[in-house]
Amino acid sequence: MPLTFDPDPAVTPGLRDGICALWAEVSNAGGAVGFVPPVTPQDVRPELLTHLASMARDRTRLVVGRDGDGTVVAAAFLALNTAAVSRHWCWAHTVLVHPSHQGRGHGRALMAAVGRTARGLDGIHGIRLTCRSGLGLEEFYGACGYREVGRVPDGIRAADGDFRDDVTFWLRLRP
């Protein structure tokens, strides 16, 4: 079943709880989204509140994907740059697809919705994102049209003794 994507949804208690639950589920399934499992939605909540505060200042945008029941099963944030020399691009981060929805094209659909949202922003010419190596994400983002433009060897510590490359990708939206 296809997902419905909503850019810049109204932030309600239900949406906040849905994103917290999604973020914890993705983290606990091994997703590279800023936490080392195990985590609970309460562990994730302070980080989400930071993102929401940035949204309130018009510095961050949110794209949410919902299933047919209206449950939040995908989300991504777009952070706008404040420096004059980099206001022409934005960061995509905290890209989340519920583990039960992975492998069905929902990640690609989310990234397409992220691209549409960014294209609708005034003056945005590209999207930059980073990911952790070793999870197949390089192939995923490549299939979504992103091009690898940099790599920091061992730039991410996934766990004690488990270091991964920090990989940077770029998607050009406009010439």
N, C-alpha and C. Protein backbone atom coordinates (compact mmCIF):
# COMPACT_ATOMS: atom_id res chain seq x y z
N MET A 1 0.84 -1.17 0.00
CA MET A 1 0.00 0.00 0.00
C MET A 1 0.89 1.24 0.00
N PRO A 2 0.62 2.21 -0.87
CA PRO A 2 1.45 3.42 -0.91
C PRO A 2 1.23 4.28 0.34
N LEU A 3 2.25 5.07 0.63
CA LEU A 3 2.17 6.00 1.75
C LEU A 3 1.70 7.36 1.24
N THR A 4 1.14 8.14 2.14
CA THR A 4 0.78 9.52 1.86
C THR A 4 1.80 10.40 2.55
N PHE A 5 2.40 11.32 1.79
CA PHE A 5 3.44 12.19 2.33
C PHE A 5 2.90 13.59 2.53
N ASP A 6 3.26 14.16 3.67
CA ASP A 6 2.77 15.47 4.06
C ASP A 6 3.96 16.34 4.46
N PRO A 7 4.29 17.33 3.62
CA PRO A 7 5.36 18.25 4.04
C PRO A 7 4.81 19.29 5.00
N ASP A 8 5.59 19.59 6.01
CA ASP A 8 5.23 20.61 7.00
C ASP A 8 3.86 20.38 7.63
N PRO A 9 3.64 19.19 8.18
CA PRO A 9 2.35 18.92 8.83
C PRO A 9 2.21 19.74 10.12
N ALA A 10 0.97 19.91 10.54
CA ALA A 10 0.73 20.55 11.83
C ALA A 10 1.32 19.64 12.91
N VAL A 11 2.05 20.26 13.83
CA VAL A 11 2.69 19.48 14.90
C VAL A 11 1.69 19.35 16.04
N THR A 12 1.19 18.14 16.18
CA THR A 12 0.22 17.82 17.23
C THR A 12 0.87 16.85 18.21
N PRO A 13 0.28 16.66 19.38
CA PRO A 13 0.83 15.65 20.29
C PRO A 13 0.89 14.26 19.64
N GLY A 14 -0.11 13.92 18.83
CA GLY A 14 -0.11 12.63 18.15
C GLY A 14 1.05 12.50 17.17
N LEU A 15 1.34 13.58 16.44
CA LEU A 15 2.47 13.54 15.50
C LEU A 15 3.78 13.40 16.27
N ARG A 16 3.94 14.17 17.34
CA ARG A 16 5.17 14.07 18.15
C ARG A 16 5.35 12.64 18.67
N ASP A 17 4.30 12.07 19.21
CA ASP A 17 4.40 10.70 19.73
C ASP A 17 4.69 9.71 18.62
N GLY A 18 4.07 9.92 17.46
CA GLY A 18 4.30 9.03 16.33
C GLY A 18 5.74 9.06 15.84
N ILE A 19 6.32 10.25 15.77
CA ILE A 19 7.72 10.36 15.33
C ILE A 19 8.65 9.77 16.38
N CYS A 20 8.37 10.03 17.66
CA CYS A 20 9.20 9.44 18.73
C CYS A 20 9.19 7.91 18.65
N ALA A 21 8.01 7.34 18.48
CA ALA A 21 7.89 5.88 18.39
C ALA A 21 8.63 5.36 17.16
N LEU A 22 8.43 6.04 16.02
CA LEU A 22 9.12 5.64 14.78
C LEU A 22 10.62 5.70 14.95
N TRP A 23 11.13 6.80 15.49
CA TRP A 23 12.57 7.00 15.66
C TRP A 23 13.16 5.91 16.56
N ALA A 24 12.46 5.58 17.63
CA ALA A 24 12.94 4.52 18.53
C ALA A 24 12.93 3.17 17.81
N GLU A 25 11.89 2.86 17.06
CA GLU A 25 11.80 1.60 16.32
C GLU A 25 12.95 1.48 15.32
N VAL A 26 13.19 2.54 14.57
CA VAL A 26 14.28 2.53 13.58
C VAL A 26 15.62 2.36 14.28
N SER A 27 15.83 3.09 15.36
CA SER A 27 17.08 2.98 16.12
C SER A 27 17.29 1.56 16.63
N ASN A 28 16.26 0.98 17.22
CA ASN A 28 16.36 -0.35 17.81
C ASN A 28 16.53 -1.45 16.76
N ALA A 29 16.17 -1.14 15.52
CA ALA A 29 16.37 -2.10 14.42
C ALA A 29 17.75 -1.94 13.80
N GLY A 30 18.58 -1.05 14.38
CA GLY A 30 19.94 -0.86 13.88
C GLY A 30 20.10 0.31 12.93
N GLY A 31 19.06 1.13 12.79
CA GLY A 31 19.14 2.29 11.91
C GLY A 31 20.14 3.31 12.42
N ALA A 32 20.83 3.94 11.48
CA ALA A 32 21.85 4.93 11.80
C ALA A 32 21.20 6.31 11.88
N VAL A 33 20.48 6.57 12.97
CA VAL A 33 19.73 7.81 13.10
C VAL A 33 20.02 8.52 14.43
N GLY A 34 21.26 8.40 14.90
CA GLY A 34 21.70 9.20 16.02
C GLY A 34 21.67 8.56 17.39
N PHE A 35 21.17 7.35 17.49
CA PHE A 35 21.11 6.68 18.78
C PHE A 35 21.69 5.28 18.66
N VAL A 36 22.21 4.79 19.77
CA VAL A 36 22.68 3.41 19.85
C VAL A 36 21.65 2.64 20.67
N PRO A 37 21.10 1.56 20.12
CA PRO A 37 20.07 0.82 20.84
C PRO A 37 20.61 0.18 22.11
N PRO A 38 19.72 -0.09 23.04
CA PRO A 38 18.28 0.11 22.97
C PRO A 38 17.89 1.53 23.40
N VAL A 39 16.84 2.04 22.77
CA VAL A 39 16.29 3.34 23.14
C VAL A 39 14.78 3.23 23.22
N THR A 40 14.19 4.15 23.95
CA THR A 40 12.74 4.25 24.06
C THR A 40 12.30 5.55 23.41
N PRO A 41 11.01 5.70 23.14
CA PRO A 41 10.54 6.99 22.63
C PRO A 41 10.90 8.15 23.57
N GLN A 42 10.94 7.89 24.87
CA GLN A 42 11.30 8.95 25.82
C GLN A 42 12.77 9.36 25.66
N ASP A 43 13.63 8.42 25.27
CA ASP A 43 15.03 8.75 25.02
C ASP A 43 15.17 9.66 23.81
N VAL A 44 14.33 9.45 22.83
CA VAL A 44 14.39 10.17 21.56
C VAL A 44 13.76 11.56 21.68
N ARG A 45 12.78 11.69 22.57
CA ARG A 45 11.97 12.91 22.66
C ARG A 45 12.78 14.21 22.76
N PRO A 46 13.84 14.32 23.58
CA PRO A 46 14.57 15.59 23.64
C PRO A 46 15.18 16.00 22.29
N GLU A 47 15.67 15.03 21.54
CA GLU A 47 16.24 15.35 20.22
C GLU A 47 15.14 15.80 19.26
N LEU A 48 13.99 15.12 19.31
CA LEU A 48 12.87 15.54 18.47
C LEU A 48 12.43 16.96 18.84
N LEU A 49 12.36 17.27 20.12
CA LEU A 49 11.96 18.62 20.54
C LEU A 49 12.93 19.68 20.02
N THR A 50 14.21 19.33 19.92
CA THR A 50 15.18 20.25 19.33
C THR A 50 14.85 20.51 17.86
N HIS A 51 14.53 19.46 17.13
CA HIS A 51 14.13 19.61 15.72
C HIS A 51 12.86 20.45 15.61
N LEU A 52 11.89 20.19 16.47
CA LEU A 52 10.63 20.93 16.40
C LEU A 52 10.83 22.41 16.75
N ALA A 53 11.72 22.70 17.67
CA ALA A 53 12.03 24.10 17.99
C ALA A 53 12.65 24.79 16.78
N SER A 54 13.50 24.08 16.06
CA SER A 54 14.08 24.64 14.84
C SER A 54 13.01 24.87 13.78
N MET A 55 12.03 23.98 13.72
CA MET A 55 10.91 24.18 12.80
C MET A 55 10.14 25.46 13.17
N ALA A 56 9.95 25.69 14.45
CA ALA A 56 9.21 26.88 14.89
C ALA A 56 9.94 28.16 14.50
N ARG A 57 11.26 28.08 14.33
CA ARG A 57 12.06 29.24 13.90
C ARG A 57 12.22 29.28 12.38
N ASP A 58 11.49 28.42 11.65
CA ASP A 58 11.57 28.33 10.19
C ASP A 58 12.96 27.97 9.69
N ARG A 59 13.70 27.17 10.46
CA ARG A 59 15.03 26.73 10.06
C ARG A 59 15.03 25.26 9.64
N THR A 60 13.95 24.56 9.92
CA THR A 60 13.86 23.13 9.61
C THR A 60 12.47 22.84 9.06
N ARG A 61 12.42 21.94 8.10
CA ARG A 61 11.16 21.47 7.52
C ARG A 61 11.03 19.99 7.82
N LEU A 62 9.82 19.49 7.85
CA LEU A 62 9.53 18.09 8.15
C LEU A 62 8.68 17.50 7.03
N VAL A 63 9.03 16.29 6.62
CA VAL A 63 8.21 15.52 5.69
C VAL A 63 7.82 14.24 6.42
N VAL A 64 6.52 13.96 6.47
CA VAL A 64 6.00 12.79 7.19
C VAL A 64 5.27 11.89 6.20
N GLY A 65 5.51 10.58 6.33
CA GLY A 65 4.78 9.59 5.54
C GLY A 65 3.87 8.78 6.45
N ARG A 66 2.62 8.64 6.03
CA ARG A 66 1.64 7.89 6.82
C ARG A 66 1.08 6.74 6.00
N ASP A 67 0.77 5.65 6.69
CA ASP A 67 0.13 4.52 6.02
C ASP A 67 -1.37 4.80 5.90
N GLY A 68 -2.12 3.83 5.39
CA GLY A 68 -3.55 4.00 5.18
C GLY A 68 -4.34 4.26 6.45
N ASP A 69 -3.79 3.84 7.59
CA ASP A 69 -4.45 4.08 8.88
C ASP A 69 -4.08 5.42 9.49
N GLY A 70 -3.18 6.16 8.83
CA GLY A 70 -2.73 7.45 9.36
C GLY A 70 -1.56 7.36 10.32
N THR A 71 -1.01 6.16 10.49
CA THR A 71 0.14 5.98 11.38
C THR A 71 1.40 6.53 10.73
N VAL A 72 2.20 7.24 11.50
CA VAL A 72 3.47 7.77 11.00
C VAL A 72 4.44 6.61 10.84
N VAL A 73 4.84 6.34 9.59
CA VAL A 73 5.75 5.23 9.31
C VAL A 73 7.01 5.68 8.57
N ALA A 74 7.09 6.98 8.24
CA ALA A 74 8.28 7.52 7.59
C ALA A 74 8.36 9.01 7.92
N ALA A 75 9.59 9.51 7.98
CA ALA A 75 9.78 10.93 8.24
C ALA A 75 11.21 11.32 7.87
N ALA A 76 11.39 12.58 7.56
CA ALA A 76 12.72 13.14 7.32
C ALA A 76 12.66 14.64 7.58
N PHE A 77 13.79 15.18 7.99
CA PHE A 77 13.90 16.61 8.26
C PHE A 77 14.81 17.25 7.22
N LEU A 78 14.49 18.48 6.87
CA LEU A 78 15.33 19.31 6.01
C LEU A 78 15.76 20.52 6.82
N ALA A 79 17.05 20.67 7.04
CA ALA A 79 17.57 21.80 7.80
C ALA A 79 18.13 22.84 6.84
N LEU A 80 17.68 24.07 7.00
CA LEU A 80 18.13 25.17 6.16
C LEU A 80 19.39 25.78 6.75
N ASN A 81 20.28 26.18 5.90
CA ASN A 81 21.53 26.79 6.35
C ASN A 81 21.33 28.27 6.63
N THR A 82 22.04 28.78 7.62
CA THR A 82 21.94 30.19 7.96
C THR A 82 23.08 31.01 7.36
N ALA A 83 24.19 30.39 7.05
CA ALA A 83 25.33 31.11 6.48
C ALA A 83 25.02 31.51 5.04
N ALA A 84 25.31 32.76 4.70
CA ALA A 84 24.98 33.28 3.37
C ALA A 84 25.60 32.46 2.25
N VAL A 85 26.78 31.91 2.46
CA VAL A 85 27.46 31.17 1.39
C VAL A 85 26.88 29.78 1.15
N SER A 86 26.01 29.32 2.04
CA SER A 86 25.44 27.97 1.85
C SER A 86 23.92 27.95 1.96
N ARG A 87 23.28 29.09 1.81
CA ARG A 87 21.82 29.13 1.87
C ARG A 87 21.16 28.50 0.65
N HIS A 88 21.94 28.19 -0.36
CA HIS A 88 21.40 27.62 -1.59
C HIS A 88 21.21 26.11 -1.53
N TRP A 89 21.55 25.50 -0.40
CA TRP A 89 21.32 24.06 -0.22
C TRP A 89 20.85 23.81 1.19
N CYS A 90 20.28 22.62 1.40
CA CYS A 90 19.80 22.24 2.72
C CYS A 90 20.29 20.84 3.05
N TRP A 91 20.22 20.51 4.33
CA TRP A 91 20.59 19.18 4.83
C TRP A 91 19.35 18.31 4.94
N ALA A 92 19.41 17.09 4.46
CA ALA A 92 18.39 16.09 4.79
C ALA A 92 18.97 15.25 5.92
N HIS A 93 18.21 15.06 6.96
CA HIS A 93 18.73 14.26 8.07
C HIS A 93 17.59 13.56 8.81
N THR A 94 17.97 12.65 9.67
CA THR A 94 17.03 11.86 10.46
C THR A 94 15.97 11.26 9.52
N VAL A 95 16.48 10.55 8.52
CA VAL A 95 15.61 9.88 7.54
C VAL A 95 15.15 8.57 8.17
N LEU A 96 13.84 8.43 8.35
CA LEU A 96 13.27 7.31 9.09
C LEU A 96 12.22 6.58 8.26
N VAL A 97 12.35 5.28 8.14
CA VAL A 97 11.30 4.43 7.57
C VAL A 97 11.14 3.25 8.53
N HIS A 98 9.92 3.03 8.98
CA HIS A 98 9.66 1.95 9.93
C HIS A 98 10.21 0.64 9.38
N PRO A 99 10.87 -0.16 10.21
CA PRO A 99 11.44 -1.43 9.73
C PRO A 99 10.44 -2.33 9.00
N SER A 100 9.19 -2.33 9.42
CA SER A 100 8.20 -3.18 8.75
C SER A 100 7.81 -2.65 7.37
N HIS A 101 8.22 -1.43 7.05
CA HIS A 101 7.91 -0.83 5.75
C HIS A 101 9.13 -0.75 4.84
N GLN A 102 10.26 -1.22 5.30
CA GLN A 102 11.47 -1.17 4.48
C GLN A 102 11.43 -2.28 3.44
N GLY A 103 12.09 -2.02 2.31
CA GLY A 103 12.13 -3.00 1.24
C GLY A 103 10.90 -3.00 0.34
N ARG A 104 10.04 -2.01 0.50
CA ARG A 104 8.81 -1.92 -0.30
C ARG A 104 8.74 -0.65 -1.15
N GLY A 105 9.87 0.06 -1.25
CA GLY A 105 9.89 1.29 -2.03
C GLY A 105 9.50 2.53 -1.25
N HIS A 106 9.19 2.37 0.04
CA HIS A 106 8.76 3.53 0.83
C HIS A 106 9.91 4.48 1.12
N GLY A 107 11.13 3.97 1.23
CA GLY A 107 12.28 4.84 1.43
C GLY A 107 12.51 5.72 0.21
N ARG A 108 12.42 5.13 -0.97
CA ARG A 108 12.57 5.92 -2.20
C ARG A 108 11.44 6.94 -2.32
N ALA A 109 10.23 6.53 -1.96
CA ALA A 109 9.11 7.47 -2.00
C ALA A 109 9.33 8.62 -1.03
N LEU A 110 9.87 8.32 0.16
CA LEU A 110 10.18 9.37 1.13
C LEU A 110 11.21 10.33 0.56
N MET A 111 12.28 9.78 -0.03
CA MET A 111 13.33 10.65 -0.57
C MET A 111 12.81 11.48 -1.75
N ALA A 112 11.88 10.94 -2.53
CA ALA A 112 11.26 11.73 -3.59
C ALA A 112 10.43 12.87 -2.99
N ALA A 113 9.72 12.59 -1.90
CA ALA A 113 8.94 13.64 -1.22
C ALA A 113 9.87 14.70 -0.63
N VAL A 114 11.01 14.27 -0.10
CA VAL A 114 12.01 15.22 0.42
C VAL A 114 12.49 16.11 -0.72
N GLY A 115 12.77 15.52 -1.88
CA GLY A 115 13.21 16.30 -3.04
C GLY A 115 12.15 17.30 -3.49
N ARG A 116 10.90 16.87 -3.55
CA ARG A 116 9.82 17.78 -3.93
C ARG A 116 9.71 18.94 -2.95
N THR A 117 9.81 18.62 -1.66
CA THR A 117 9.72 19.67 -0.64
C THR A 117 10.86 20.67 -0.79
N ALA A 118 12.07 20.17 -0.98
CA ALA A 118 13.24 21.06 -1.13
C ALA A 118 13.11 21.91 -2.40
N ARG A 119 12.62 21.32 -3.49
CA ARG A 119 12.45 22.09 -4.73
C ARG A 119 11.46 23.23 -4.54
N GLY A 120 10.51 23.06 -3.63
CA GLY A 120 9.52 24.10 -3.36
C GLY A 120 10.03 25.21 -2.46
N LEU A 121 11.23 25.07 -1.93
CA LEU A 121 11.81 26.10 -1.06
C LEU A 121 12.53 27.13 -1.91
N ASP A 122 12.35 28.37 -1.58
CA ASP A 122 12.94 29.46 -2.34
C ASP A 122 14.47 29.41 -2.30
N GLY A 123 15.09 29.36 -3.47
CA GLY A 123 16.54 29.46 -3.58
C GLY A 123 17.32 28.20 -3.29
N ILE A 124 16.67 27.07 -3.04
CA ILE A 124 17.39 25.84 -2.74
C ILE A 124 17.76 25.12 -4.03
N HIS A 125 19.06 24.86 -4.20
CA HIS A 125 19.58 24.24 -5.42
C HIS A 125 20.05 22.81 -5.20
N GLY A 126 20.16 22.38 -3.94
CA GLY A 126 20.65 21.04 -3.70
C GLY A 126 20.36 20.57 -2.28
N ILE A 127 20.51 19.25 -2.11
CA ILE A 127 20.33 18.62 -0.80
C ILE A 127 21.61 17.85 -0.49
N ARG A 128 22.08 18.03 0.73
CA ARG A 128 23.25 17.31 1.22
C ARG A 128 22.80 16.41 2.36
N LEU A 129 23.38 15.21 2.43
CA LEU A 129 23.10 14.33 3.55
C LEU A 129 24.32 13.47 3.83
N THR A 130 24.35 12.93 5.03
CA THR A 130 25.42 12.02 5.40
C THR A 130 24.79 10.72 5.89
N CYS A 131 25.59 9.66 5.78
CA CYS A 131 25.14 8.37 6.30
C CYS A 131 26.34 7.59 6.80
N ARG A 132 26.05 6.54 7.52
CA ARG A 132 27.06 5.64 8.06
C ARG A 132 27.27 4.50 7.07
N SER A 133 28.52 4.19 6.80
CA SER A 133 28.82 3.08 5.89
C SER A 133 28.49 1.74 6.54
N GLY A 134 28.46 0.71 5.73
CA GLY A 134 28.28 -0.64 6.23
C GLY A 134 26.85 -1.11 6.36
N LEU A 135 25.89 -0.27 5.95
CA LEU A 135 24.49 -0.65 6.07
C LEU A 135 23.78 -0.73 4.72
N GLY A 136 24.51 -0.52 3.63
CA GLY A 136 23.90 -0.51 2.30
C GLY A 136 23.27 0.81 1.93
N LEU A 137 23.48 1.82 2.77
CA LEU A 137 22.86 3.12 2.51
C LEU A 137 23.48 3.83 1.31
N GLU A 138 24.75 3.56 1.03
CA GLU A 138 25.39 4.18 -0.12
C GLU A 138 24.64 3.80 -1.40
N GLU A 139 24.29 2.53 -1.52
CA GLU A 139 23.55 2.05 -2.69
C GLU A 139 22.14 2.64 -2.72
N PHE A 140 21.52 2.69 -1.54
CA PHE A 140 20.17 3.24 -1.47
C PHE A 140 20.14 4.69 -1.93
N TYR A 141 20.99 5.54 -1.35
CA TYR A 141 20.97 6.95 -1.73
C TYR A 141 21.40 7.14 -3.17
N GLY A 142 22.33 6.32 -3.65
CA GLY A 142 22.71 6.38 -5.06
C GLY A 142 21.52 6.08 -5.96
N ALA A 143 20.72 5.08 -5.60
CA ALA A 143 19.53 4.73 -6.38
C ALA A 143 18.48 5.84 -6.33
N CYS A 144 18.54 6.68 -5.32
CA CYS A 144 17.62 7.82 -5.20
C CYS A 144 18.13 9.05 -5.94
N GLY A 145 19.27 8.93 -6.60
CA GLY A 145 19.81 10.04 -7.38
C GLY A 145 20.89 10.84 -6.71
N TYR A 146 21.24 10.50 -5.49
CA TYR A 146 22.29 11.21 -4.77
C TYR A 146 23.65 10.70 -5.22
N ARG A 147 24.64 11.58 -5.21
CA ARG A 147 26.00 11.24 -5.62
C ARG A 147 26.93 11.37 -4.41
N GLU A 148 27.74 10.35 -4.18
CA GLU A 148 28.71 10.43 -3.09
C GLU A 148 29.74 11.48 -3.44
N VAL A 149 29.99 12.41 -2.50
CA VAL A 149 30.94 13.50 -2.74
C VAL A 149 32.04 13.57 -1.69
N GLY A 150 31.98 12.71 -0.68
CA GLY A 150 33.01 12.73 0.35
C GLY A 150 32.85 11.59 1.33
N ARG A 151 33.96 11.30 2.01
CA ARG A 151 33.95 10.19 2.96
C ARG A 151 35.03 10.45 4.01
N VAL A 152 34.67 10.32 5.28
CA VAL A 152 35.61 10.41 6.38
C VAL A 152 35.78 9.00 6.94
N PRO A 153 36.92 8.38 6.71
CA PRO A 153 37.13 7.03 7.24
C PRO A 153 37.01 7.00 8.76
N ASP A 154 36.27 6.02 9.26
CA ASP A 154 36.08 5.83 10.70
C ASP A 154 35.51 7.06 11.40
N GLY A 155 34.75 7.87 10.68
CA GLY A 155 34.20 9.10 11.23
C GLY A 155 33.03 8.91 12.17
N ILE A 156 32.50 7.70 12.25
CA ILE A 156 31.35 7.42 13.11
C ILE A 156 31.66 6.21 13.97
N ARG A 157 31.43 6.36 15.27
CA ARG A 157 31.57 5.22 16.19
C ARG A 157 30.19 4.66 16.44
N ALA A 158 29.91 3.50 15.83
CA ALA A 158 28.60 2.87 15.97
C ALA A 158 28.48 2.14 17.30
N ALA A 159 29.59 1.66 17.81
CA ALA A 159 29.65 0.96 19.10
C ALA A 159 31.11 0.86 19.47
N ASP A 160 31.39 0.41 20.68
CA ASP A 160 32.78 0.23 21.09
C ASP A 160 33.50 -0.66 20.08
N GLY A 161 34.57 -0.13 19.50
CA GLY A 161 35.37 -0.88 18.54
C GLY A 161 34.76 -0.99 17.15
N ASP A 162 33.59 -0.40 16.91
CA ASP A 162 32.93 -0.47 15.61
C ASP A 162 32.88 0.93 15.00
N PHE A 163 33.86 1.21 14.16
CA PHE A 163 33.96 2.50 13.50
C PHE A 163 33.53 2.36 12.04
N ARG A 164 32.77 3.31 11.56
CA ARG A 164 32.27 3.30 10.18
C ARG A 164 32.64 4.61 9.51
N ASP A 165 32.68 4.57 8.18
CA ASP A 165 32.91 5.80 7.43
C ASP A 165 31.69 6.70 7.51
N ASP A 166 31.94 7.99 7.55
CA ASP A 166 30.89 9.01 7.48
C ASP A 166 30.86 9.46 6.01
N VAL A 167 29.79 9.11 5.29
CA VAL A 167 29.71 9.31 3.85
C VAL A 167 28.78 10.49 3.55
N THR A 168 29.25 11.41 2.71
CA THR A 168 28.47 12.59 2.34
C THR A 168 27.94 12.43 0.92
N PHE A 169 26.66 12.76 0.75
CA PHE A 169 26.00 12.70 -0.55
C PHE A 169 25.42 14.06 -0.92
N TRP A 170 25.23 14.24 -2.22
CA TRP A 170 24.70 15.48 -2.76
C TRP A 170 23.66 15.17 -3.84
N LEU A 171 22.55 15.89 -3.82
CA LEU A 171 21.55 15.81 -4.89
C LEU A 171 21.36 17.21 -5.43
N ARG A 172 21.73 17.40 -6.69
CA ARG A 172 21.53 18.70 -7.33
C ARG A 172 20.07 18.80 -7.75
N LEU A 173 19.41 19.88 -7.35
CA LEU A 173 18.00 20.11 -7.69
C LEU A 173 17.84 21.05 -8.85
N ARG A 174 18.76 21.99 -8.98
CA ARG A 174 18.70 23.01 -10.04
C ARG A 174 20.11 23.28 -10.52
N PRO A 175 20.23 23.67 -11.77
CA PRO A 175 21.59 24.02 -12.28
C PRO A 175 22.15 25.25 -11.61
